Protein backbone atom coordinates (compact mmCIF):
# COMPACT_ATOMS: atom_id res chain seq x y z
CA UNK A 1 -20.37 -14.33 -28.90
CA UNK A 2 -17.55 -11.96 -27.47
CA UNK A 3 -17.60 -8.13 -26.36
CA UNK A 4 -14.77 -6.67 -25.83
CA UNK A 5 -16.61 -4.06 -23.14
CA UNK A 6 -14.97 -5.41 -20.39
CA UNK A 7 -11.46 -5.31 -21.62
CA UNK A 8 -9.12 -2.27 -20.17
CA UNK A 9 -7.05 -0.94 -22.80
CA UNK A 10 -3.53 -0.18 -22.72
CA UNK A 11 -3.86 3.76 -22.36
CA UNK A 12 -5.87 2.67 -19.21
CA UNK A 13 -2.71 1.40 -17.29
CA UNK A 14 -1.03 3.33 -15.71
CA UNK A 15 -2.96 5.90 -15.13
CA UNK A 16 -5.11 8.10 -13.29
CA UNK A 17 -8.79 7.25 -13.48
CA UNK A 18 -7.32 4.03 -14.78
CA UNK A 19 -6.56 0.55 -13.51
CA UNK A 20 -2.85 0.34 -11.72
CA UNK A 21 -0.28 -1.12 -14.27
CA UNK A 22 1.94 -4.48 -12.68
CA UNK A 23 5.98 -4.12 -12.54
CA UNK A 24 8.18 -7.28 -13.83
CA UNK A 25 7.23 -8.86 -10.30
CA UNK A 26 3.46 -8.99 -10.85
CA UNK A 27 2.95 -5.96 -8.16
CA UNK A 28 1.90 -2.59 -8.34
CA UNK A 29 4.67 -0.30 -8.45
CA UNK A 30 5.03 2.15 -5.65
CA UNK A 31 4.51 5.50 -6.94
CA UNK A 32 0.96 4.00 -8.08
CA UNK A 33 -0.20 3.55 -4.65
CA UNK A 34 -1.45 6.88 -2.96
CA UNK A 35 -0.02 7.68 0.25
CA UNK A 36 -2.77 8.03 3.01
CA UNK A 37 -3.10 10.98 4.66
CA UNK A 38 -2.53 9.72 8.38
CA UNK A 39 -4.00 12.27 11.37
CA UNK A 40 -3.14 12.13 15.19
CA UNK A 41 -5.37 13.11 17.96
CA UNK A 42 -8.07 12.94 20.29
CA UNK A 43 -10.57 14.60 17.89
CA UNK A 44 -11.87 13.32 14.72
CA UNK A 45 -11.15 14.67 11.44
CA UNK A 46 -14.34 17.30 10.41
CA UNK A 47 -13.81 16.25 7.04
CA UNK A 48 -11.79 12.97 6.20
CA UNK A 49 -10.99 12.16 2.50
CA UNK A 50 -11.12 8.10 1.53
CA UNK A 51 -8.49 6.04 2.72
CA UNK A 52 -7.53 8.59 5.39
CA UNK A 53 -6.36 7.32 9.04
CA UNK A 54 -7.23 8.39 11.95
CA UNK A 55 -5.36 7.26 15.53
CA UNK A 56 -7.23 8.45 18.43
CA UNK A 57 -5.19 8.84 21.45
CA UNK A 58 -7.46 9.46 23.93
């Protein structure tokens, strides 16, 4: 018995809240990779988001 509950629909590829697509080389296109927020300083950010980078110069 097979089920389709684990399949990704083609309409979800490369869309917000979907899954990343792949280019001809099998890589995720740069346009689908988010740019992290990078903060440099001596005080940690008060409300960082998932994926943000903080560099402590202390």
